[in-house]
């Protein structure tokens, strides 16, 4: 909005200058001259006493010229869409029409966060005059483009941006574009002569939802609801509602902090990872990364929830794109990874579950997880149709029992473990589903065998467990040991040998 203004003196008539005028937008088609030029006729000399070119506020104060009887003010707009306001004051001394700025008129930044910025500025000397203090208000402007040097420029800039927004909305009604998304309805949208003369209380009531847009005479303001890692420009204007004038502080800018990046733990090839969630821990969950080996860039992620009724969700993404998301329970979860050099794994508790009373620090949920590169595989490994172990009563003796369980069409290793309960032991027991072979003693392992059956319906394998004591109850566990993924534990089976044979 650059304006070129010039003030000249001439003679022989006198024109009083104790008036205030507001100029509307210039019309390039109009040929009507300004009033002073129409009134003055006849010979005379003209001398230029002040000139200014720019888009900010400019003030000229000069002594009276004895030979001058007429002062001419010429305004020339270099931009057709421009408005200018002119204030005239006659006499010596300050008119007090404009608010006074302090010697340090800069806006200072007290603190910067991810979504908020705290500002401060030195108070104006105009506020020290108690009889006029109620007519002043500080107004704060936030935008993402640049600082404004006066209120007029800010109003005009916002108006132009809103016109652009309306044009965009007409092209695509589904898209709503706002240059300042946090404070959509700024105070100048309805700023007119009526609002200028309203009371401070009414002004604060109207714009209270805009945080510190027009916040009275406090010289500290915290602007919140900002976007992280974004640069914002802040301007402070001191509004004199009684005279309809304003003064602009020297604005500042600040970059909000970026969001705290969670710690990402790399998963090693085939390493078993335990993830625990406790009360009072991080609400964002746990993050892991995995890079499959080999040119195929394929892998298998297996997870199992342990010892908690709370739901755990796992989300796998790559390059910012979500690939898979599902709940993890006591049953084994398998997620196939293919086509990306790296994967981001996010584990978090389901926030929809009703909170339960528990002491702080108490273990709430645990997940067992493993990631493995799957060389030359084409898909997820098959699982047994059931994880139940069957025993045959007719094949049960005083020293041995016969067990059977379902296998898969892939060649895998099955290991059987036993645990003695004693003659008075009950018929229930067994280890937790999450506990794998690594938690068992070597003395409990009784046999390991490979098995494969291409027909899934006939994939049944048996094992005769001997060397048992008569009339004693034993708990048997079977583990499916695979090349990829964590071992799969079958449901524990309790069998008592015969007392007499």
Protein backbone atom coordinates (compact mmCIF):
# COMPACT_ATOMS: atom_id res chain seq x y z
CA UNK A 1 0.00 0.00 0.00
CA UNK A 2 2.68 2.58 -0.86
CA UNK A 3 1.52 6.20 -0.77
CA UNK A 4 3.44 9.18 -2.02
CA UNK A 5 2.49 12.34 -0.08
CA UNK A 6 3.70 15.89 -0.53
CA UNK A 7 2.97 19.07 1.42
CA UNK A 8 3.44 22.42 -0.27
CA UNK A 9 2.90 26.09 0.68
CA UNK A 10 1.62 28.90 -1.49
CA UNK A 11 -0.27 32.23 -1.32
CA UNK A 12 -2.36 34.49 -1.26
CA UNK A 13 -5.34 33.03 0.68
CA UNK A 14 -5.57 31.40 4.16
CA UNK A 15 -7.16 28.00 4.86
CA UNK A 16 -7.73 26.89 8.50
CA UNK A 17 -6.14 23.46 9.27
CA UNK A 18 -7.94 22.43 12.48
CA UNK A 19 -9.82 19.53 10.92
CA UNK A 20 -9.55 15.77 10.56
CA UNK A 21 -10.30 14.05 7.25
CA UNK A 22 -10.35 10.47 5.96
CA UNK A 23 -9.56 9.73 2.35
CA UNK A 24 -11.38 6.96 0.51
CA UNK A 25 -9.85 4.82 -2.14
CA UNK A 26 -8.72 6.88 -5.14
CA UNK A 27 -10.60 6.44 -8.39
CA UNK A 28 -8.38 6.53 -11.41
CA UNK A 29 -11.37 7.55 -13.59
CA UNK A 30 -12.17 10.71 -11.58
CA UNK A 31 -10.83 14.09 -12.80
CA UNK A 32 -12.22 16.21 -9.94
CA UNK A 33 -9.51 18.16 -8.15
CA UNK A 34 -9.15 18.48 -4.40
CA UNK A 35 -10.87 21.41 -2.67
CA UNK A 36 -7.76 23.55 -1.94
CA UNK A 37 -6.73 23.49 -5.59
CA UNK A 38 -10.21 24.58 -6.71
CA UNK A 39 -10.31 27.48 -4.21
CA UNK A 40 -6.93 28.93 -5.09
CA UNK A 41 -6.77 31.00 -8.25
CA UNK A 42 -4.18 33.46 -9.38
CA UNK A 43 -0.43 33.84 -9.53
CA UNK A 44 1.80 32.63 -6.72
CA UNK A 45 4.81 30.55 -5.88
CA UNK A 46 4.78 26.99 -4.54
CA UNK A 47 7.53 25.40 -2.41
CA UNK A 48 7.74 21.76 -1.31
CA UNK A 49 8.33 21.55 2.45
CA UNK A 50 7.90 17.78 3.15
CA UNK A 51 7.67 14.59 1.15
CA UNK A 52 7.28 10.90 2.17
CA UNK A 53 6.94 7.63 0.30
CA UNK A 54 6.03 4.38 2.08
CA UNK A 55 3.30 2.26 3.64
CA UNK A 56 3.70 3.15 7.32
CA UNK A 57 2.57 6.05 9.48
CA UNK A 58 4.37 9.36 8.87
CA UNK A 59 4.11 12.55 10.91
CA UNK A 60 5.17 16.04 9.84
CA UNK A 61 5.53 18.87 12.32
CA UNK A 62 6.88 22.20 11.13
CA UNK A 63 6.89 25.92 11.91
CA UNK A 64 4.47 28.33 10.27
CA UNK A 65 5.65 30.18 7.18
CA UNK A 66 4.90 33.94 7.18
CA UNK A 67 4.43 34.30 3.43
CA UNK A 68 2.29 31.16 3.18
CA UNK A 69 -1.47 31.39 3.24
CA UNK A 70 -2.46 27.99 1.85
CA UNK A 71 -1.03 24.54 2.60
CA UNK A 72 -1.68 21.84 0.00
CA UNK A 73 -1.54 18.11 0.82
CA UNK A 74 -1.25 15.81 -2.15
CA UNK A 75 -1.65 12.01 -1.81
CA UNK A 76 -0.78 9.78 -4.72
CA UNK A 77 -1.37 6.03 -4.51
CA UNK A 78 1.01 3.67 -6.23
CA UNK A 79 -1.49 0.89 -5.69
CA UNK A 80 -5.10 1.34 -6.84
CA UNK A 81 -6.48 -0.66 -3.92
CA UNK A 82 -5.26 1.64 -1.14
CA UNK A 83 -6.77 3.59 1.72
CA UNK A 84 -5.20 6.38 3.73
CA UNK A 85 -6.28 8.36 6.79
CA UNK A 86 -5.13 11.94 7.43
CA UNK A 87 -5.18 13.75 10.78
CA UNK A 88 -4.65 17.55 11.04
CA UNK A 89 -3.88 19.43 14.25
CA UNK A 90 -3.46 23.20 14.66
CA UNK A 91 -1.51 24.85 17.44
CA UNK A 92 1.60 24.20 19.45
CA UNK A 93 2.15 21.20 21.73
CA UNK A 94 1.04 17.58 21.49
CA UNK A 95 -2.51 16.89 20.36
CA UNK A 96 -2.73 13.63 22.35
CA UNK A 97 -4.74 12.26 19.44
CA UNK A 98 -2.35 9.31 19.04
CA UNK A 99 -1.32 6.98 21.87
CA UNK A 100 2.23 7.50 23.03
CA UNK A 101 4.73 4.68 22.57
CA UNK A 102 7.46 4.04 25.17
CA UNK A 103 11.11 4.65 24.39
CA UNK A 104 11.49 0.88 23.91
CA UNK A 105 8.58 0.12 21.59
CA UNK A 106 9.66 -3.42 20.72
CA UNK A 107 7.58 -6.52 21.36
CA UNK A 108 9.63 -9.02 23.38
CA UNK A 109 9.33 -12.80 23.51
CA UNK A 110 9.24 -14.17 27.05
CA UNK A 111 8.75 -17.85 26.25
CA UNK A 112 8.19 -20.19 23.31
CA UNK A 113 6.58 -23.63 23.45
CA UNK A 114 5.22 -26.13 20.96
CA UNK A 115 1.78 -24.50 20.72
CA UNK A 116 2.13 -21.20 22.58
CA UNK A 117 4.22 -18.03 22.67
CA UNK A 118 4.31 -15.52 25.55
CA UNK A 119 4.84 -11.86 24.62
CA UNK A 120 5.55 -8.70 26.59
CA UNK A 121 6.00 -5.01 25.81
CA UNK A 122 6.67 -1.81 27.73
CA UNK A 123 3.50 0.05 28.79
CA UNK A 124 2.54 3.29 27.10
CA UNK A 125 2.81 6.64 28.86
CA UNK A 126 -0.75 7.31 27.73
CA UNK A 127 -2.01 4.77 30.23
CA UNK A 128 -0.58 6.81 33.12
CA UNK A 129 -3.23 9.46 32.60
CA UNK A 130 -5.96 7.99 34.75
CA UNK A 131 -8.77 10.06 33.29
CA UNK A 132 -8.21 8.48 29.84
CA UNK A 133 -6.92 5.05 30.82
CA UNK A 134 -10.25 3.34 30.24
CA UNK A 135 -10.32 4.34 26.58
CA UNK A 136 -7.22 2.30 25.67
CA UNK A 137 -6.80 -1.34 24.68
CA UNK A 138 -3.85 -3.43 23.55
CA UNK A 139 -4.63 -5.62 20.56
CA UNK A 140 -2.42 -8.49 19.43
CA UNK A 141 -2.19 -9.79 15.87
CA UNK A 142 -0.77 -13.19 14.92
CA UNK A 143 -0.07 -14.25 11.34
CA UNK A 144 2.33 -16.43 9.38
CA UNK A 145 3.48 -13.98 6.69
CA UNK A 146 5.06 -10.80 8.03
CA UNK A 147 4.79 -7.98 10.56
CA UNK A 148 2.55 -4.97 9.99
CA UNK A 149 3.82 -1.45 10.61
CA UNK A 150 0.42 0.06 11.44
CA UNK A 151 -3.18 -0.84 12.07
CA UNK A 152 -4.31 0.41 8.68
CA UNK A 153 -1.94 -1.94 6.88
CA UNK A 154 -3.04 -4.85 9.06
CA UNK A 155 -6.72 -4.22 8.34
CA UNK A 156 -6.07 -3.96 4.64
CA UNK A 157 -3.87 -7.06 4.60
CA UNK A 158 -6.47 -9.14 6.39
CA UNK A 159 -9.20 -7.90 4.06
CA UNK A 160 -7.24 -8.93 0.99
CA UNK A 161 -6.47 -12.34 2.45
CA UNK A 162 -10.14 -12.92 3.22
CA UNK A 163 -11.06 -12.02 -0.34
CA UNK A 164 -8.55 -14.59 -1.58
CA UNK A 165 -10.00 -17.16 0.79
CA UNK A 166 -13.51 -16.55 -0.54
CA UNK A 167 -12.32 -17.08 -4.09
CA UNK A 168 -10.68 -20.37 -3.10
CA UNK A 169 -13.84 -21.51 -1.32
CA UNK A 170 -15.91 -20.85 -4.41
CA UNK A 171 -13.61 -23.07 -6.47
CA UNK A 172 -13.75 -25.88 -3.94
CA UNK A 173 -16.47 -25.69 -1.29
CA UNK A 174 -15.10 -28.70 0.48
CA UNK A 175 -11.81 -26.96 1.16
CA UNK A 176 -11.64 -24.23 3.74
CA UNK A 177 -8.45 -22.22 3.63
CA UNK A 178 -7.65 -19.80 6.44
CA UNK A 179 -4.38 -17.92 6.67
CA UNK A 180 -4.69 -17.67 10.45
CA UNK A 181 -6.31 -20.97 11.49
CA UNK A 182 -6.16 -20.36 15.23
CA UNK A 183 -7.99 -17.02 15.40
CA UNK A 184 -10.46 -17.04 12.54
CA UNK A 185 -12.62 -14.02 13.37
CA UNK A 186 -10.28 -11.23 14.28
CA UNK A 187 -11.40 -8.04 15.95
CA UNK A 188 -10.96 -5.83 12.88
CA UNK A 189 -13.59 -7.79 10.97
CA UNK A 190 -16.25 -5.79 12.78
CA UNK A 191 -14.14 -2.76 13.66
CA UNK A 192 -16.07 0.45 12.98
CA UNK A 193 -16.96 3.71 14.64
CA UNK A 194 -19.45 2.02 16.94
CA UNK A 195 -17.00 -0.50 18.37
CA UNK A 196 -14.36 2.20 18.81
CA UNK A 197 -16.50 4.00 21.34
CA UNK A 198 -17.66 0.96 23.30
CA UNK A 199 -16.61 0.27 26.86
CA UNK A 200 -13.57 -1.93 27.61
CA UNK A 201 -15.77 -4.50 29.34
CA UNK A 202 -17.99 -4.85 26.28
CA UNK A 203 -14.94 -5.09 24.05
CA UNK A 204 -13.44 -7.87 26.15
CA UNK A 205 -16.78 -9.71 26.23
CA UNK A 206 -17.05 -9.65 22.45
CA UNK A 207 -13.50 -10.85 21.83
CA UNK A 208 -12.81 -12.85 24.98
CA UNK A 209 -12.77 -16.10 23.01
CA UNK A 210 -9.87 -14.75 20.96
CA UNK A 211 -7.51 -15.07 23.93
CA UNK A 212 -5.54 -11.83 23.99
CA UNK A 213 -6.74 -10.25 20.74
CA UNK A 214 -8.03 -7.09 22.46
CA UNK A 215 -7.22 -7.70 26.08
CA UNK A 216 -7.28 -4.37 27.87
CA UNK A 217 -4.17 -2.70 29.27
CA UNK A 218 -2.13 -5.74 30.33
CA UNK A 219 1.30 -5.74 28.70
CA UNK A 220 1.83 -9.52 28.83
CA UNK A 221 0.03 -11.95 26.55
CA UNK A 222 0.23 -15.70 25.86
CA UNK A 223 -0.97 -16.79 22.44
CA UNK A 224 -1.87 -20.48 22.41
CA UNK A 225 -3.30 -23.08 20.01
CA UNK A 226 -0.43 -22.54 17.60
CA UNK A 227 0.99 -25.16 15.24
CA UNK A 228 4.28 -26.78 16.32
CA UNK A 229 7.44 -26.05 14.35
CA UNK A 230 5.92 -23.01 12.62
CA UNK A 231 7.11 -19.42 12.35
CA UNK A 232 4.63 -16.75 13.48
CA UNK A 233 4.74 -12.95 13.38
CA UNK A 234 3.35 -10.96 16.32
CA UNK A 235 2.21 -7.32 16.29
CA UNK A 236 0.86 -5.22 19.15
CA UNK A 237 -1.34 -2.16 18.55
CA UNK A 238 -2.42 0.33 21.20
CA UNK A 239 -5.94 1.47 20.36
CA UNK A 240 -7.36 4.80 21.51
CA UNK A 241 -11.10 4.17 21.21
CA UNK A 242 -11.96 7.73 22.19
CA UNK A 243 -10.09 9.35 19.29
CA UNK A 244 -10.23 6.40 16.92
CA UNK A 245 -6.44 6.31 16.56
CA UNK A 246 -3.76 3.73 17.16
CA UNK A 247 -0.03 3.25 17.56
CA UNK A 248 1.97 0.21 16.50
CA UNK A 249 4.77 -1.39 18.48
CA UNK A 250 7.72 -2.88 16.61
CA UNK A 251 6.61 -6.45 15.99
CA UNK A 252 8.56 -9.63 16.48
CA UNK A 253 8.51 -13.22 15.25
CA UNK A 254 9.10 -16.62 16.84
CA UNK A 255 9.37 -20.22 15.75
CA UNK A 256 7.31 -22.64 17.83
CA UNK A 257 9.14 -25.74 19.02
CA UNK A 258 8.71 -28.95 17.13
CA UNK A 259 6.82 -31.79 18.71
CA UNK A 260 8.85 -33.98 21.01
CA UNK A 261 10.03 -36.92 18.99
CA UNK A 262 9.53 -40.22 20.76
CA UNK A 263 12.47 -42.49 21.41
CA UNK A 264 12.65 -45.17 18.73
CA UNK A 265 14.27 -48.48 19.68
CA UNK A 266 15.74 -50.52 16.82
CA UNK A 267 14.74 -54.19 16.79
CA UNK A 268 17.59 -56.62 16.23
CA UNK A 269 17.21 -59.55 13.91
CA UNK A 270 15.31 -62.36 15.65
CA UNK A 271 15.76 -60.86 19.14
CA UNK A 272 12.90 -61.28 21.59
CA UNK A 273 11.62 -57.93 22.89
CA UNK A 274 9.44 -57.46 25.98
CA UNK A 275 7.41 -54.23 26.13
CA UNK A 276 5.77 -53.28 29.42
CA UNK A 277 3.26 -50.51 30.14
CA UNK A 278 2.89 -49.05 33.61
CA UNK A 279 0.54 -46.53 35.17
CA UNK A 280 1.83 -43.01 34.86
CA UNK A 281 4.03 -43.85 31.89
CA UNK A 282 4.09 -42.27 28.46
CA UNK A 283 0.65 -41.86 26.90
CA UNK A 284 2.08 -42.00 23.38
CA UNK A 285 3.16 -45.63 23.71
CA UNK A 286 6.41 -47.20 22.56
CA UNK A 287 8.11 -46.90 19.15
CA UNK A 288 10.40 -49.41 17.46
CA UNK A 289 12.07 -49.66 14.07
CA UNK A 290 13.05 -52.67 12.01
CA UNK A 291 15.15 -53.05 8.84
CA UNK A 292 14.77 -56.43 7.12
CA UNK A 293 17.89 -58.02 5.68
CA UNK A 294 18.19 -59.16 2.11
CA UNK A 295 17.15 -57.63 -1.18
CA UNK A 296 13.58 -58.92 -0.78
CA UNK A 297 13.01 -56.40 2.07
CA UNK A 298 10.49 -58.78 3.63
CA UNK A 299 10.03 -59.63 7.29
CA UNK A 300 7.67 -61.06 9.86
CA UNK A 301 6.55 -59.28 13.00
CA UNK A 302 4.98 -61.46 15.70
CA UNK A 303 3.39 -60.19 18.89
CA UNK A 304 1.53 -61.60 21.87
CA UNK A 305 -0.10 -59.83 24.82
CA UNK A 306 0.80 -61.19 28.23
CA UNK A 307 -0.83 -61.18 31.63
CA UNK A 308 -3.29 -58.30 31.24
CA UNK A 309 -6.88 -57.75 30.23
CA UNK A 310 -6.05 -54.36 28.73
CA UNK A 311 -6.05 -54.09 24.97
CA UNK A 312 -2.82 -53.30 23.16
CA UNK A 313 -2.81 -51.86 19.65
CA UNK A 314 0.04 -52.17 17.16
CA UNK A 315 0.46 -49.91 14.13
CA UNK A 316 3.06 -50.51 11.44
CA UNK A 317 3.97 -47.71 9.05
CA UNK A 318 6.65 -46.90 6.50
CA UNK A 319 7.59 -43.48 5.12
CA UNK A 320 4.69 -41.91 6.96
CA UNK A 321 2.10 -44.30 5.46
CA UNK A 322 0.18 -46.67 7.70
CA UNK A 323 0.49 -50.27 6.52
CA UNK A 324 -1.25 -52.26 9.25
CA UNK A 325 -3.11 -51.66 12.49
CA UNK A 326 -4.65 -54.29 14.75
CA UNK A 327 -5.24 -55.31 18.35
CA UNK A 328 -2.84 -57.68 20.11
CA UNK A 329 -4.30 -60.32 22.45
CA UNK A 330 -3.25 -63.60 23.99
CA UNK A 331 -3.40 -65.25 20.58
CA UNK A 332 -0.35 -64.80 18.43
CA UNK A 333 -0.49 -61.85 16.00
CA UNK A 334 1.54 -62.07 12.77
CA UNK A 335 2.15 -59.06 10.53
CA UNK A 336 3.80 -59.53 7.15
CA UNK A 337 6.35 -56.86 6.21
CA UNK A 338 7.25 -56.46 2.56
CA UNK A 339 8.37 -53.80 0.10
CA UNK A 340 10.01 -51.22 2.37
CA UNK A 341 13.59 -50.90 3.61
CA UNK A 342 12.47 -49.87 7.13
CA UNK A 343 9.35 -50.01 9.27
CA UNK A 344 8.10 -48.02 12.25
CA UNK A 345 6.24 -50.05 14.88
CA UNK A 346 4.02 -48.25 17.39
CA UNK A 347 2.63 -50.03 20.46
CA UNK A 348 0.09 -48.29 22.68
CA UNK A 349 -2.63 -49.13 25.15
CA UNK A 350 -6.20 -48.86 23.94
CA UNK A 351 -7.53 -45.60 25.39
CA UNK A 352 -11.17 -46.73 25.03
CA UNK A 353 -10.87 -49.25 27.86
CA UNK A 354 -12.39 -48.23 31.17
CA UNK A 355 -9.71 -47.18 33.66
CA UNK A 356 -9.14 -49.49 36.62
CA UNK A 357 -7.93 -48.62 40.06
CA UNK A 358 -4.31 -49.59 40.52
CA UNK A 359 -1.37 -48.31 42.46
CA UNK A 360 1.11 -46.18 40.54
CA UNK A 361 3.94 -48.18 39.05
CA UNK A 362 1.97 -51.43 38.97
CA UNK A 363 2.50 -53.46 35.81
CA UNK A 364 -0.58 -53.00 33.63
CA UNK A 365 0.27 -54.69 30.35
CA UNK A 366 3.10 -56.54 28.67
CA UNK A 367 3.73 -57.54 25.08
CA UNK A 368 6.19 -60.05 23.68
CA UNK A 369 7.46 -59.12 20.23
CA UNK A 370 9.95 -60.35 17.66
CA UNK A 371 10.89 -59.24 14.14
CA UNK A 372 12.73 -61.49 11.69
CA UNK A 373 13.86 -61.18 8.10
CA UNK A 374 12.12 -63.79 5.96
CA UNK A 375 14.47 -64.76 3.16
CA UNK A 376 12.74 -66.20 0.06
CA UNK A 377 9.36 -66.45 1.82
CA UNK A 378 6.19 -65.46 -0.03
CA UNK A 379 3.82 -64.94 2.88
CA UNK A 380 2.97 -65.41 6.55
CA UNK A 381 3.86 -68.84 8.00
CA UNK A 382 0.85 -71.06 8.65
CA UNK A 383 -0.36 -71.76 12.19
CA UNK A 384 -1.89 -74.94 13.63
CA UNK A 385 -5.67 -75.14 13.31
CA UNK A 386 -5.91 -75.62 17.08
CA UNK A 387 -3.52 -75.32 20.01
CA UNK A 388 -5.19 -78.00 22.13
CA UNK A 389 -3.25 -81.11 23.26
CA UNK A 390 -5.10 -84.42 23.34
CA UNK A 391 -4.27 -87.45 25.50
CA UNK A 392 -5.53 -90.98 24.96
CA UNK A 393 -6.94 -92.73 28.02
CA UNK A 394 -6.58 -96.20 26.50
CA UNK A 395 -2.90 -95.54 25.77
CA UNK A 396 -2.22 -94.28 29.30
CA UNK A 397 -0.12 -96.59 31.52
CA UNK A 398 1.63 -96.41 34.89
CA UNK A 399 4.85 -95.14 33.32
CA UNK A 400 3.84 -93.44 30.08
CA UNK A 401 1.18 -91.33 28.35
CA UNK A 402 0.45 -90.67 24.66
CA UNK A 403 -0.12 -87.09 23.48
CA UNK A 404 -1.30 -85.73 20.11
CA UNK A 405 -1.46 -82.22 18.66
CA UNK A 406 -2.02 -80.50 15.35
CA UNK A 407 0.96 -79.38 13.26
CA UNK A 408 1.32 -77.48 10.00
CA UNK A 409 2.23 -78.22 6.40
CA UNK A 410 5.61 -76.58 6.96
CA UNK A 411 8.53 -78.45 8.44
CA UNK A 412 8.91 -77.25 12.04
CA UNK A 413 10.39 -78.39 15.32
CA UNK A 414 8.08 -79.38 18.20
CA UNK A 415 9.41 -79.69 21.75
CA UNK A 416 7.56 -81.29 24.70
CA UNK A 417 8.13 -80.21 28.32
CA UNK A 418 6.77 -81.83 31.47
CA UNK A 419 6.31 -80.71 35.06
CA UNK A 420 5.55 -83.06 37.97
CA UNK A 421 2.61 -82.08 40.21
CA UNK A 422 2.81 -84.94 42.71
CA UNK A 423 0.36 -87.57 43.81
CA UNK A 424 -1.88 -85.04 45.55
CA UNK A 425 -1.74 -82.45 42.80
CA UNK A 426 -4.88 -81.12 41.18
CA UNK A 427 -5.89 -81.49 37.59
CA UNK A 428 -5.31 -77.78 36.75
CA UNK A 429 -2.10 -75.88 36.23
CA UNK A 430 0.39 -74.91 33.55
CA UNK A 431 2.64 -72.05 32.58
CA UNK A 432 1.51 -68.70 31.15
CA UNK A 433 0.96 -68.55 27.37
CA UNK A 434 3.67 -65.91 27.04
CA UNK A 435 6.42 -67.96 28.67
CA UNK A 436 8.47 -69.65 26.00
CA UNK A 437 11.07 -72.44 26.03
CA UNK A 438 13.69 -69.95 27.22
CA UNK A 439 11.90 -69.84 30.58
CA UNK A 440 11.95 -73.63 31.06
CA UNK A 441 14.65 -75.77 32.57
CA UNK A 442 16.48 -78.23 30.35
CA UNK A 443 15.53 -80.99 32.78
CA UNK A 444 11.85 -80.42 31.93
CA UNK A 445 12.34 -81.03 28.22
CA UNK A 446 11.56 -84.64 27.34
CA UNK A 447 11.76 -84.66 23.54
CA UNK A 448 11.93 -82.56 20.36
CA UNK A 449 10.80 -83.77 16.93
CA UNK A 450 10.37 -82.40 13.43
CA UNK A 451 7.03 -82.77 11.69
CA UNK A 452 5.47 -81.78 8.38
CA UNK A 453 2.19 -82.72 6.65
CA UNK A 454 1.12 -81.14 3.36
CA UNK A 455 -2.55 -81.90 4.06
CA UNK A 456 -3.62 -79.56 6.90
CA UNK A 457 -6.51 -81.87 7.88
CA UNK A 458 -4.13 -84.74 8.49
CA UNK A 459 -1.38 -82.69 10.15
CA UNK A 460 -1.56 -84.60 13.43
CA UNK A 461 1.54 -85.79 15.24
CA UNK A 462 1.85 -87.93 18.36
CA UNK A 463 4.47 -88.57 21.00
CA UNK A 464 4.77 -91.23 23.70
CA UNK A 465 6.19 -89.79 26.91
CA UNK A 466 7.76 -92.49 29.07
CA UNK A 467 9.77 -92.69 32.27
CA UNK A 468 6.87 -91.46 34.44
CA UNK A 469 5.88 -92.50 37.98
CA UNK A 470 2.62 -94.37 38.73
CA UNK A 471 -0.31 -92.33 40.04
CA UNK A 472 1.42 -88.97 39.55
CA UNK A 473 -0.08 -85.94 37.73
CA UNK A 474 2.07 -84.24 35.11
CA UNK A 475 1.62 -80.99 33.18
CA UNK A 476 2.71 -81.23 29.56
CA UNK A 477 3.53 -78.26 27.33
CA UNK A 478 4.25 -78.33 23.61
CA UNK A 479 6.11 -75.51 21.83
CA UNK A 480 6.20 -74.98 18.08
CA UNK A 481 9.72 -73.80 17.31
CA UNK A 482 9.89 -71.84 14.05
CA UNK A 483 12.65 -70.25 12.05
CA UNK A 484 10.65 -67.01 11.90
CA UNK A 485 8.73 -65.48 14.73
CA UNK A 486 8.40 -66.27 18.42
CA UNK A 487 7.68 -69.86 19.54
CA UNK A 488 4.02 -70.85 19.78
CA UNK A 489 2.88 -72.47 23.02
CA UNK A 490 0.03 -74.96 23.01
CA UNK A 491 -2.48 -75.06 25.85
CA UNK A 492 -1.12 -76.94 28.84
CA UNK A 493 -2.41 -80.48 29.34
CA UNK A 494 -2.56 -82.24 32.73
CA UNK A 495 -2.44 -86.06 32.70
CA UNK A 496 -2.22 -88.50 35.61
CA UNK A 497 -0.56 -91.89 35.16
CA UNK A 498 -2.38 -95.03 36.28
CA UNK A 499 -1.86 -96.22 39.84
CA UNK A 500 -2.08 -99.92 38.99
CA UNK A 501 -1.23 -101.63 35.79
